[in-house]
Amino acid sequence: MAVRPISITGDPVLHSPASEVAVVDDELRRLVADMFETMDAAPGVGLAGPQVGVGKRLFVYSWTDDEGESWRGVAINPTLWQSPLSIEPLDEDDSESEGCLSVPGERFPLRRADGVVLRATDLEGDEVEIEAWGWLARIFQHEYDHLDGVLYVDRLEHPFHKAAAKAVRKKGWGQPGGTWLPGVDHLED
């Protein structure tokens, strides 16, 4: 296992739809092990293939809810059903604040569906289905977006979209080839 560099916004792999995973083999298992190690070192709660430079439809996740239940797994070639979005005003506190390892150190509020159903294949080739609410639903939506070439900052509304674009420009991101390595690079918040 190895920690892999994480692509920063602007790299083409982050802004293009990922390809289906054709076969679950030892090479894919090594990639998934590396993705877990990278996500844990970052630290993060999810990491998609495109974020480590691999344009394949898979992501890993690891999160513990308020009741102490742990969720850790891999989703290969996932599909995602989302509940309708709330029409309530956007809450700017931490309940809707989101960050991304490919836009490191930045956090902005983003409206997400409260609930989702994730269907995917695991590393054994078995079909899995998870009904998720709250933060786990947010994690699944965020990682699923990566597979379609969408970063959370692409979904932000004004004035947060403008603030995110300013932060990207200020840090010199938005160009191909930008990466950072968890445990080695210490990016400013």
N, C-alpha and C. Protein backbone atom coordinates (compact mmCIF):
# COMPACT_ATOMS: atom_id res chain seq x y z
N MET A 1 0.84 -1.18 0.00
CA MET A 1 0.00 0.00 0.00
C MET A 1 0.89 1.24 0.00
N ALA A 2 0.34 2.31 -0.58
CA ALA A 2 1.10 3.56 -0.67
C ALA A 2 0.14 4.74 -0.68
N VAL A 3 0.60 5.84 -0.11
CA VAL A 3 -0.14 7.09 -0.20
C VAL A 3 0.13 7.66 -1.58
N ARG A 4 -0.94 8.01 -2.29
CA ARG A 4 -0.82 8.57 -3.64
C ARG A 4 -1.04 10.08 -3.62
N PRO A 5 -0.46 10.79 -4.58
CA PRO A 5 -0.72 12.22 -4.70
C PRO A 5 -2.20 12.46 -5.04
N ILE A 6 -2.75 13.51 -4.47
CA ILE A 6 -4.14 13.89 -4.73
C ILE A 6 -4.15 15.04 -5.73
N SER A 7 -4.90 14.87 -6.81
CA SER A 7 -5.02 15.89 -7.84
C SER A 7 -5.79 17.10 -7.31
N ILE A 8 -5.33 18.28 -7.70
CA ILE A 8 -5.96 19.53 -7.29
C ILE A 8 -6.78 20.07 -8.46
N THR A 9 -7.86 20.75 -8.14
CA THR A 9 -8.76 21.31 -9.15
C THR A 9 -7.98 21.95 -10.29
N GLY A 10 -8.42 21.66 -11.50
CA GLY A 10 -7.74 22.11 -12.71
C GLY A 10 -7.16 20.96 -13.49
N ASP A 11 -6.85 19.86 -12.80
CA ASP A 11 -6.34 18.70 -13.51
C ASP A 11 -7.47 18.08 -14.31
N PRO A 12 -7.26 17.79 -15.60
CA PRO A 12 -8.33 17.29 -16.45
C PRO A 12 -9.04 16.03 -15.93
N VAL A 13 -8.34 15.16 -15.21
CA VAL A 13 -8.97 13.93 -14.72
C VAL A 13 -10.11 14.25 -13.74
N LEU A 14 -10.03 15.41 -13.08
CA LEU A 14 -11.08 15.80 -12.13
C LEU A 14 -12.30 16.40 -12.82
N HIS A 15 -12.15 16.82 -14.06
CA HIS A 15 -13.21 17.55 -14.75
C HIS A 15 -13.76 16.79 -15.95
N SER A 16 -13.55 15.48 -15.96
CA SER A 16 -14.05 14.61 -17.04
C SER A 16 -14.77 13.42 -16.42
N PRO A 17 -15.83 12.94 -17.06
CA PRO A 17 -16.50 11.74 -16.54
C PRO A 17 -15.54 10.55 -16.53
N ALA A 18 -15.61 9.77 -15.47
CA ALA A 18 -14.76 8.59 -15.33
C ALA A 18 -15.36 7.41 -16.09
N SER A 19 -14.50 6.46 -16.44
CA SER A 19 -14.90 5.25 -17.17
C SER A 19 -15.31 4.14 -16.20
N GLU A 20 -16.20 3.28 -16.68
CA GLU A 20 -16.61 2.12 -15.88
C GLU A 20 -15.40 1.24 -15.56
N VAL A 21 -15.42 0.63 -14.40
CA VAL A 21 -14.42 -0.37 -14.05
C VAL A 21 -14.83 -1.66 -14.74
N ALA A 22 -13.92 -2.21 -15.55
CA ALA A 22 -14.24 -3.40 -16.36
C ALA A 22 -14.09 -4.69 -15.58
N VAL A 23 -13.09 -4.75 -14.68
CA VAL A 23 -12.82 -6.00 -13.98
C VAL A 23 -12.26 -5.70 -12.59
N VAL A 24 -12.70 -6.49 -11.62
CA VAL A 24 -12.15 -6.41 -10.27
C VAL A 24 -11.02 -7.43 -10.20
N ASP A 25 -9.79 -6.94 -10.16
CA ASP A 25 -8.62 -7.81 -10.14
C ASP A 25 -7.64 -7.32 -9.08
N ASP A 26 -6.45 -7.94 -9.02
CA ASP A 26 -5.46 -7.55 -8.02
C ASP A 26 -4.99 -6.12 -8.19
N GLU A 27 -4.89 -5.66 -9.43
CA GLU A 27 -4.49 -4.27 -9.68
C GLU A 27 -5.51 -3.30 -9.08
N LEU A 28 -6.80 -3.58 -9.24
CA LEU A 28 -7.84 -2.74 -8.67
C LEU A 28 -7.80 -2.83 -7.14
N ARG A 29 -7.58 -4.00 -6.60
CA ARG A 29 -7.50 -4.15 -5.14
C ARG A 29 -6.34 -3.33 -4.56
N ARG A 30 -5.19 -3.30 -5.26
CA ARG A 30 -4.06 -2.48 -4.82
C ARG A 30 -4.42 -0.99 -4.88
N LEU A 31 -5.11 -0.59 -5.95
CA LEU A 31 -5.56 0.80 -6.06
C LEU A 31 -6.46 1.16 -4.89
N VAL A 32 -7.42 0.30 -4.59
CA VAL A 32 -8.35 0.58 -3.48
C VAL A 32 -7.60 0.66 -2.16
N ALA A 33 -6.66 -0.24 -1.91
CA ALA A 33 -5.86 -0.19 -0.68
C ALA A 33 -5.09 1.12 -0.60
N ASP A 34 -4.50 1.55 -1.72
CA ASP A 34 -3.79 2.83 -1.76
C ASP A 34 -4.75 3.99 -1.50
N MET A 35 -5.96 3.90 -2.06
CA MET A 35 -6.94 4.98 -1.86
C MET A 35 -7.34 5.09 -0.40
N PHE A 36 -7.54 3.96 0.28
CA PHE A 36 -7.86 4.01 1.72
C PHE A 36 -6.69 4.63 2.49
N GLU A 37 -5.47 4.23 2.19
CA GLU A 37 -4.31 4.77 2.89
C GLU A 37 -4.18 6.27 2.63
N THR A 38 -4.41 6.70 1.40
CA THR A 38 -4.34 8.12 1.04
C THR A 38 -5.43 8.91 1.76
N MET A 39 -6.67 8.39 1.73
CA MET A 39 -7.78 9.08 2.38
C MET A 39 -7.51 9.22 3.88
N ASP A 40 -7.04 8.16 4.52
CA ASP A 40 -6.78 8.20 5.96
C ASP A 40 -5.64 9.17 6.30
N ALA A 41 -4.61 9.23 5.44
CA ALA A 41 -3.48 10.12 5.69
C ALA A 41 -3.84 11.58 5.48
N ALA A 42 -4.84 11.87 4.65
CA ALA A 42 -5.14 13.25 4.26
C ALA A 42 -5.50 14.18 5.44
N PRO A 43 -6.34 13.94 6.37
CA PRO A 43 -7.35 12.89 6.43
C PRO A 43 -8.63 13.34 5.74
N GLY A 44 -9.39 12.36 5.28
CA GLY A 44 -10.67 12.64 4.63
C GLY A 44 -11.67 11.57 4.96
N VAL A 45 -12.91 11.76 4.48
CA VAL A 45 -13.98 10.78 4.70
C VAL A 45 -14.38 10.08 3.41
N GLY A 46 -13.80 10.50 2.29
CA GLY A 46 -14.07 9.87 1.01
C GLY A 46 -12.99 10.25 0.02
N LEU A 47 -12.82 9.40 -0.98
CA LEU A 47 -11.82 9.67 -2.01
C LEU A 47 -12.23 8.90 -3.26
N ALA A 48 -12.29 9.61 -4.39
CA ALA A 48 -12.69 9.00 -5.66
C ALA A 48 -11.47 8.74 -6.53
N GLY A 49 -11.58 7.74 -7.41
CA GLY A 49 -10.51 7.39 -8.32
C GLY A 49 -9.91 8.60 -9.03
N PRO A 50 -10.73 9.49 -9.62
CA PRO A 50 -10.15 10.65 -10.30
C PRO A 50 -9.27 11.53 -9.41
N GLN A 51 -9.55 11.53 -8.11
CA GLN A 51 -8.75 12.36 -7.21
C GLN A 51 -7.31 11.86 -7.06
N VAL A 52 -7.08 10.58 -7.36
CA VAL A 52 -5.71 10.06 -7.34
C VAL A 52 -5.22 9.80 -8.76
N GLY A 53 -5.83 10.51 -9.72
CA GLY A 53 -5.38 10.46 -11.10
C GLY A 53 -5.85 9.27 -11.90
N VAL A 54 -6.82 8.53 -11.38
CA VAL A 54 -7.33 7.33 -12.06
C VAL A 54 -8.78 7.59 -12.47
N GLY A 55 -9.02 7.75 -13.76
CA GLY A 55 -10.34 8.07 -14.28
C GLY A 55 -11.27 6.86 -14.35
N LYS A 56 -11.46 6.21 -13.22
CA LYS A 56 -12.35 5.04 -13.12
C LYS A 56 -13.46 5.32 -12.13
N ARG A 57 -14.62 4.70 -12.35
CA ARG A 57 -15.80 4.93 -11.53
C ARG A 57 -15.75 4.10 -10.24
N LEU A 58 -15.00 4.60 -9.27
CA LEU A 58 -14.97 3.99 -7.95
C LEU A 58 -14.60 5.03 -6.92
N PHE A 59 -15.07 4.81 -5.69
CA PHE A 59 -14.66 5.65 -4.57
C PHE A 59 -14.63 4.83 -3.30
N VAL A 60 -13.85 5.33 -2.32
CA VAL A 60 -13.81 4.74 -0.99
C VAL A 60 -14.38 5.76 -0.02
N TYR A 61 -14.83 5.27 1.13
CA TYR A 61 -15.39 6.15 2.16
C TYR A 61 -15.14 5.55 3.53
N SER A 62 -15.09 6.41 4.52
CA SER A 62 -14.90 5.99 5.91
C SER A 62 -15.43 7.10 6.81
N TRP A 63 -16.44 6.77 7.60
CA TRP A 63 -17.07 7.79 8.45
C TRP A 63 -17.74 7.09 9.62
N THR A 64 -17.72 7.73 10.78
CA THR A 64 -18.40 7.22 11.96
C THR A 64 -19.48 8.22 12.35
N ASP A 65 -20.73 7.73 12.50
CA ASP A 65 -21.83 8.63 12.81
C ASP A 65 -21.88 8.96 14.30
N ASP A 66 -22.83 9.80 14.69
CA ASP A 66 -22.94 10.26 16.08
C ASP A 66 -23.25 9.13 17.05
N GLU A 67 -23.83 8.04 16.56
CA GLU A 67 -24.15 6.90 17.42
C GLU A 67 -22.99 5.92 17.52
N GLY A 68 -21.88 6.23 16.84
CA GLY A 68 -20.70 5.38 16.89
C GLY A 68 -20.67 4.28 15.85
N GLU A 69 -21.65 4.27 14.93
CA GLU A 69 -21.64 3.27 13.87
C GLU A 69 -20.67 3.69 12.78
N SER A 70 -19.77 2.78 12.41
CA SER A 70 -18.75 3.08 11.40
C SER A 70 -19.19 2.58 10.04
N TRP A 71 -18.91 3.39 9.05
CA TRP A 71 -19.19 3.08 7.65
C TRP A 71 -17.87 3.18 6.90
N ARG A 72 -17.40 2.07 6.36
CA ARG A 72 -16.14 2.06 5.61
C ARG A 72 -16.31 1.07 4.47
N GLY A 73 -16.03 1.52 3.25
CA GLY A 73 -16.20 0.62 2.14
C GLY A 73 -15.74 1.22 0.83
N VAL A 74 -16.00 0.46 -0.22
CA VAL A 74 -15.67 0.87 -1.57
C VAL A 74 -16.92 0.74 -2.42
N ALA A 75 -17.10 1.66 -3.35
CA ALA A 75 -18.22 1.62 -4.30
C ALA A 75 -17.63 1.60 -5.70
N ILE A 76 -17.85 0.49 -6.42
CA ILE A 76 -17.35 0.33 -7.78
C ILE A 76 -18.53 0.42 -8.74
N ASN A 77 -18.41 1.25 -9.77
CA ASN A 77 -19.47 1.48 -10.75
C ASN A 77 -20.81 1.78 -10.07
N PRO A 78 -20.82 2.77 -9.17
CA PRO A 78 -22.04 3.04 -8.41
C PRO A 78 -23.13 3.74 -9.22
N THR A 79 -24.35 3.59 -8.73
CA THR A 79 -25.47 4.42 -9.14
C THR A 79 -26.00 5.05 -7.86
N LEU A 80 -26.66 6.19 -8.00
CA LEU A 80 -27.10 6.92 -6.82
C LEU A 80 -28.48 7.51 -7.06
N TRP A 81 -29.40 7.19 -6.18
CA TRP A 81 -30.72 7.81 -6.19
C TRP A 81 -30.73 8.82 -5.06
N GLN A 82 -31.22 10.03 -5.34
CA GLN A 82 -31.24 11.10 -4.34
C GLN A 82 -32.66 11.52 -4.05
N SER A 83 -32.94 11.80 -2.76
CA SER A 83 -34.22 12.38 -2.40
C SER A 83 -34.25 13.82 -2.92
N PRO A 84 -35.44 14.40 -3.06
CA PRO A 84 -35.52 15.79 -3.54
C PRO A 84 -34.79 16.74 -2.59
N LEU A 85 -34.27 17.83 -3.15
CA LEU A 85 -33.61 18.83 -2.33
C LEU A 85 -34.63 19.62 -1.53
N SER A 86 -34.24 20.04 -0.35
CA SER A 86 -35.08 20.88 0.49
C SER A 86 -35.20 22.26 -0.15
N ILE A 87 -36.34 22.90 0.08
CA ILE A 87 -36.50 24.27 -0.41
C ILE A 87 -36.20 25.29 0.69
N GLU A 88 -35.77 24.80 1.85
CA GLU A 88 -35.40 25.69 2.95
C GLU A 88 -34.17 26.51 2.54
N PRO A 89 -34.00 27.70 3.13
CA PRO A 89 -32.81 28.48 2.82
C PRO A 89 -31.53 27.72 3.20
N LEU A 90 -30.46 27.97 2.47
CA LEU A 90 -29.18 27.33 2.71
C LEU A 90 -28.67 27.73 4.08
N ASP A 91 -28.27 26.75 4.89
CA ASP A 91 -27.74 26.97 6.23
C ASP A 91 -26.23 27.13 6.10
N GLU A 92 -25.71 28.29 6.49
CA GLU A 92 -24.29 28.56 6.31
C GLU A 92 -23.43 28.02 7.44
N ASP A 93 -24.02 27.34 8.43
CA ASP A 93 -23.20 26.78 9.50
C ASP A 93 -22.60 25.45 9.05
N ASP A 94 -21.96 24.75 9.95
CA ASP A 94 -21.27 23.51 9.59
C ASP A 94 -22.18 22.39 9.11
N SER A 95 -23.49 22.50 9.34
CA SER A 95 -24.37 21.41 8.92
C SER A 95 -24.43 21.25 7.41
N GLU A 96 -24.10 22.31 6.66
CA GLU A 96 -24.09 22.21 5.21
C GLU A 96 -22.75 22.66 4.62
N SER A 97 -21.74 22.78 5.46
CA SER A 97 -20.42 23.16 4.98
C SER A 97 -19.70 21.92 4.48
N GLU A 98 -19.04 22.07 3.35
CA GLU A 98 -18.41 20.94 2.70
C GLU A 98 -16.99 21.32 2.28
N GLY A 99 -16.11 20.34 2.26
CA GLY A 99 -14.75 20.54 1.80
C GLY A 99 -14.38 19.44 0.83
N CYS A 100 -13.19 19.51 0.26
CA CYS A 100 -12.76 18.53 -0.74
C CYS A 100 -11.25 18.44 -0.74
N LEU A 101 -10.73 17.22 -0.77
CA LEU A 101 -9.28 17.03 -0.81
C LEU A 101 -8.66 17.55 -2.11
N SER A 102 -9.47 17.78 -3.13
CA SER A 102 -8.97 18.35 -4.39
C SER A 102 -9.09 19.87 -4.43
N VAL A 103 -9.64 20.45 -3.38
CA VAL A 103 -9.67 21.90 -3.16
C VAL A 103 -9.27 22.09 -1.70
N PRO A 104 -8.05 21.69 -1.36
CA PRO A 104 -7.65 21.56 0.05
C PRO A 104 -7.69 22.86 0.83
N GLY A 105 -8.22 22.75 2.05
CA GLY A 105 -8.25 23.88 2.97
C GLY A 105 -9.44 24.80 2.81
N GLU A 106 -10.28 24.57 1.82
CA GLU A 106 -11.44 25.45 1.58
C GLU A 106 -12.72 24.73 2.00
N ARG A 107 -13.66 25.47 2.56
CA ARG A 107 -14.97 24.92 2.94
C ARG A 107 -16.05 25.95 2.60
N PHE A 108 -17.14 25.46 2.00
CA PHE A 108 -18.25 26.32 1.64
C PHE A 108 -19.56 25.56 1.84
N PRO A 109 -20.65 26.28 2.14
CA PRO A 109 -21.94 25.61 2.28
C PRO A 109 -22.53 25.21 0.93
N LEU A 110 -23.09 24.00 0.90
CA LEU A 110 -23.69 23.47 -0.31
C LEU A 110 -24.90 22.63 0.06
N ARG A 111 -26.00 22.91 -0.59
CA ARG A 111 -27.23 22.14 -0.37
C ARG A 111 -27.09 20.78 -1.04
N ARG A 112 -27.35 19.73 -0.28
CA ARG A 112 -27.36 18.36 -0.80
C ARG A 112 -28.67 17.70 -0.39
N ALA A 113 -29.02 16.63 -1.07
CA ALA A 113 -30.21 15.86 -0.70
C ALA A 113 -29.99 15.24 0.67
N ASP A 114 -31.05 15.15 1.46
CA ASP A 114 -30.95 14.57 2.80
C ASP A 114 -30.70 13.07 2.77
N GLY A 115 -31.24 12.40 1.75
CA GLY A 115 -31.12 10.94 1.70
C GLY A 115 -30.77 10.44 0.31
N VAL A 116 -30.09 9.30 0.28
CA VAL A 116 -29.71 8.67 -0.99
C VAL A 116 -29.79 7.15 -0.84
N VAL A 117 -29.84 6.50 -1.98
CA VAL A 117 -29.65 5.05 -2.04
C VAL A 117 -28.49 4.82 -2.99
N LEU A 118 -27.43 4.21 -2.47
CA LEU A 118 -26.24 3.89 -3.25
C LEU A 118 -26.29 2.42 -3.62
N ARG A 119 -26.12 2.14 -4.90
CA ARG A 119 -25.98 0.77 -5.38
C ARG A 119 -24.64 0.67 -6.08
N ALA A 120 -23.86 -0.36 -5.74
CA ALA A 120 -22.52 -0.50 -6.29
C ALA A 120 -22.06 -1.95 -6.17
N THR A 121 -20.87 -2.19 -6.67
CA THR A 121 -20.20 -3.48 -6.51
C THR A 121 -19.07 -3.30 -5.52
N ASP A 122 -18.81 -4.33 -4.70
CA ASP A 122 -17.68 -4.27 -3.78
C ASP A 122 -16.49 -5.02 -4.37
N LEU A 123 -15.42 -5.14 -3.60
CA LEU A 123 -14.20 -5.78 -4.11
C LEU A 123 -14.35 -7.28 -4.35
N GLU A 124 -15.38 -7.88 -3.79
CA GLU A 124 -15.62 -9.31 -4.02
C GLU A 124 -16.54 -9.52 -5.23
N GLY A 125 -16.97 -8.43 -5.85
CA GLY A 125 -17.86 -8.53 -6.99
C GLY A 125 -19.32 -8.63 -6.60
N ASP A 126 -19.61 -8.47 -5.31
CA ASP A 126 -20.99 -8.54 -4.82
C ASP A 126 -21.67 -7.19 -4.95
N GLU A 127 -22.97 -7.23 -5.26
CA GLU A 127 -23.76 -6.00 -5.32
C GLU A 127 -24.09 -5.56 -3.89
N VAL A 128 -23.95 -4.28 -3.62
CA VAL A 128 -24.30 -3.71 -2.32
C VAL A 128 -25.30 -2.59 -2.53
N GLU A 129 -26.16 -2.41 -1.56
CA GLU A 129 -27.12 -1.30 -1.56
C GLU A 129 -27.14 -0.71 -0.17
N ILE A 130 -26.93 0.61 -0.08
CA ILE A 130 -26.91 1.31 1.20
C ILE A 130 -27.86 2.49 1.13
N GLU A 131 -28.80 2.54 2.06
CA GLU A 131 -29.65 3.72 2.22
C GLU A 131 -28.95 4.61 3.24
N ALA A 132 -28.70 5.86 2.87
CA ALA A 132 -27.93 6.76 3.73
C ALA A 132 -28.67 8.08 3.91
N TRP A 133 -28.49 8.66 5.09
CA TRP A 133 -29.08 9.95 5.43
C TRP A 133 -28.00 10.83 6.03
N GLY A 134 -28.22 12.13 6.01
CA GLY A 134 -27.31 13.06 6.67
C GLY A 134 -25.93 13.08 6.05
N TRP A 135 -24.89 13.02 6.91
CA TRP A 135 -23.51 13.15 6.44
C TRP A 135 -23.09 12.02 5.53
N LEU A 136 -23.53 10.80 5.80
CA LEU A 136 -23.15 9.70 4.91
C LEU A 136 -23.75 9.92 3.52
N ALA A 137 -24.98 10.42 3.47
CA ALA A 137 -25.59 10.76 2.18
C ALA A 137 -24.79 11.85 1.48
N ARG A 138 -24.34 12.83 2.24
CA ARG A 138 -23.53 13.92 1.67
C ARG A 138 -22.22 13.36 1.11
N ILE A 139 -21.57 12.48 1.86
CA ILE A 139 -20.31 11.87 1.39
C ILE A 139 -20.53 11.14 0.07
N PHE A 140 -21.59 10.33 0.01
CA PHE A 140 -21.86 9.57 -1.21
C PHE A 140 -22.11 10.51 -2.40
N GLN A 141 -22.88 11.58 -2.19
CA GLN A 141 -23.16 12.52 -3.28
C GLN A 141 -21.89 13.22 -3.74
N HIS A 142 -21.07 13.63 -2.78
CA HIS A 142 -19.82 14.32 -3.10
C HIS A 142 -18.90 13.42 -3.92
N GLU A 143 -18.71 12.18 -3.48
CA GLU A 143 -17.81 11.26 -4.20
C GLU A 143 -18.39 10.86 -5.54
N TYR A 144 -19.70 10.66 -5.60
CA TYR A 144 -20.34 10.31 -6.87
C TYR A 144 -20.17 11.43 -7.89
N ASP A 145 -20.27 12.68 -7.44
CA ASP A 145 -20.03 13.82 -8.33
C ASP A 145 -18.65 13.74 -8.98
N HIS A 146 -17.63 13.35 -8.20
CA HIS A 146 -16.28 13.23 -8.76
C HIS A 146 -16.26 12.30 -9.97
N LEU A 147 -17.07 11.26 -9.94
CA LEU A 147 -17.09 10.28 -11.03
C LEU A 147 -17.69 10.86 -12.30
N ASP A 148 -18.46 11.93 -12.15
CA ASP A 148 -19.05 12.62 -13.30
C ASP A 148 -18.25 13.86 -13.70
N GLY A 149 -17.09 14.07 -13.07
CA GLY A 149 -16.25 15.22 -13.40
C GLY A 149 -16.72 16.52 -12.77
N VAL A 150 -17.45 16.42 -11.65
CA VAL A 150 -18.00 17.60 -10.98
C VAL A 150 -17.38 17.72 -9.59
N LEU A 151 -16.83 18.88 -9.27
CA LEU A 151 -16.35 19.16 -7.92
C LEU A 151 -17.43 19.95 -7.18
N TYR A 152 -17.41 19.84 -5.86
CA TYR A 152 -18.46 20.53 -5.09
C TYR A 152 -18.44 22.03 -5.35
N VAL A 153 -17.27 22.62 -5.61
CA VAL A 153 -17.22 24.06 -5.87
C VAL A 153 -17.94 24.42 -7.17
N ASP A 154 -18.08 23.45 -8.08
CA ASP A 154 -18.83 23.69 -9.32
C ASP A 154 -20.32 23.87 -9.04
N ARG A 155 -20.80 23.37 -7.92
CA ARG A 155 -22.22 23.42 -7.57
C ARG A 155 -22.58 24.59 -6.66
N LEU A 156 -21.59 25.33 -6.21
CA LEU A 156 -21.86 26.42 -5.26
C LEU A 156 -22.68 27.53 -5.89
N GLU A 157 -23.52 28.14 -5.05
CA GLU A 157 -24.31 29.30 -5.47
C GLU A 157 -23.57 30.58 -5.08
N HIS A 158 -23.96 31.69 -5.70
CA HIS A 158 -23.42 33.00 -5.36
C HIS A 158 -23.80 33.32 -3.92
N PRO A 159 -22.97 33.86 -3.09
CA PRO A 159 -21.64 34.40 -3.33
C PRO A 159 -20.51 33.38 -3.11
N PHE A 160 -20.88 32.14 -2.74
CA PHE A 160 -19.86 31.15 -2.39
C PHE A 160 -19.07 30.69 -3.62
N HIS A 161 -19.74 30.63 -4.79
CA HIS A 161 -19.04 30.25 -6.01
C HIS A 161 -17.94 31.26 -6.31
N LYS A 162 -18.26 32.53 -6.15
CA LYS A 162 -17.29 33.60 -6.39
C LYS A 162 -16.12 33.50 -5.42
N ALA A 163 -16.40 33.22 -4.15
CA ALA A 163 -15.34 33.10 -3.14
C ALA A 163 -14.45 31.89 -3.43
N ALA A 164 -15.04 30.79 -3.88
CA ALA A 164 -14.25 29.60 -4.22
C ALA A 164 -13.35 29.87 -5.41
N ALA A 165 -13.89 30.53 -6.44
CA ALA A 165 -13.09 30.85 -7.62
C ALA A 165 -11.92 31.77 -7.25
N LYS A 166 -12.16 32.70 -6.34
CA LYS A 166 -11.10 33.60 -5.89
C LYS A 166 -10.01 32.83 -5.15
N ALA A 167 -10.42 31.89 -4.29
CA ALA A 167 -9.45 31.07 -3.55
C ALA A 167 -8.60 30.22 -4.50
N VAL A 168 -9.23 29.65 -5.53
CA VAL A 168 -8.51 28.83 -6.51
C VAL A 168 -7.47 29.69 -7.24
N ARG A 169 -7.87 30.87 -7.67
CA ARG A 169 -6.94 31.78 -8.36
C ARG A 169 -5.79 32.19 -7.44
N LYS A 170 -6.12 32.56 -6.21
CA LYS A 170 -5.13 33.03 -5.24
C LYS A 170 -4.06 31.96 -4.97
N LYS A 171 -4.47 30.70 -4.93
CA LYS A 171 -3.53 29.61 -4.63
C LYS A 171 -2.85 29.07 -5.88
N GLY A 172 -3.18 29.62 -7.05
CA GLY A 172 -2.52 29.20 -8.28
C GLY A 172 -3.00 27.86 -8.81
N TRP A 173 -4.17 27.45 -8.36
CA TRP A 173 -4.73 26.19 -8.83
C TRP A 173 -5.48 26.44 -10.13
N GLY A 174 -6.20 25.42 -10.61
CA GLY A 174 -7.00 25.58 -11.81
C GLY A 174 -6.23 25.25 -13.07
N GLN A 175 -5.05 24.63 -12.92
CA GLN A 175 -4.23 24.26 -14.06
C GLN A 175 -3.91 22.77 -14.00
N PRO A 176 -3.65 22.14 -15.13
CA PRO A 176 -3.31 20.72 -15.14
C PRO A 176 -2.05 20.42 -14.32
N GLY A 177 -2.04 19.23 -13.71
CA GLY A 177 -0.84 18.74 -13.05
C GLY A 177 -0.67 19.07 -11.60
N GLY A 178 -1.56 19.85 -11.02
CA GLY A 178 -1.43 20.19 -9.61
C GLY A 178 -1.80 19.01 -8.72
N THR A 179 -0.92 18.68 -7.76
CA THR A 179 -1.18 17.61 -6.79
C THR A 179 -0.61 18.01 -5.43
N TRP A 180 -1.02 17.26 -4.42
CA TRP A 180 -0.40 17.36 -3.09
C TRP A 180 -0.34 15.96 -2.51
N LEU A 181 0.62 15.73 -1.62
CA LEU A 181 0.83 14.40 -1.07
C LEU A 181 0.57 14.43 0.43
N PRO A 182 -0.50 13.75 0.89
CA PRO A 182 -0.79 13.71 2.33
C PRO A 182 0.40 13.15 3.12
N GLY A 183 0.66 13.79 4.25
CA GLY A 183 1.76 13.37 5.10
C GLY A 183 3.08 14.02 4.72
N VAL A 184 3.14 14.65 3.55
CA VAL A 184 4.36 15.30 3.09
C VAL A 184 4.11 16.79 2.89
N ASP A 185 3.10 17.12 2.08
CA ASP A 185 2.78 18.52 1.80
C ASP A 185 1.85 19.04 2.89
N HIS A 186 2.13 20.23 3.36
CA HIS A 186 1.30 20.88 4.36
C HIS A 186 0.73 22.14 3.72
N LEU A 187 -0.50 22.00 3.23
CA LEU A 187 -1.12 23.11 2.52
C LEU A 187 -1.74 24.06 3.52
N GLU A 188 -1.64 25.35 3.23
CA GLU A 188 -2.21 26.37 4.10
C GLU A 188 -3.73 26.30 4.05
N ASP A 189 -4.33 26.56 5.22
CA ASP A 189 -5.80 26.66 5.28
C ASP A 189 -6.24 28.03 4.83
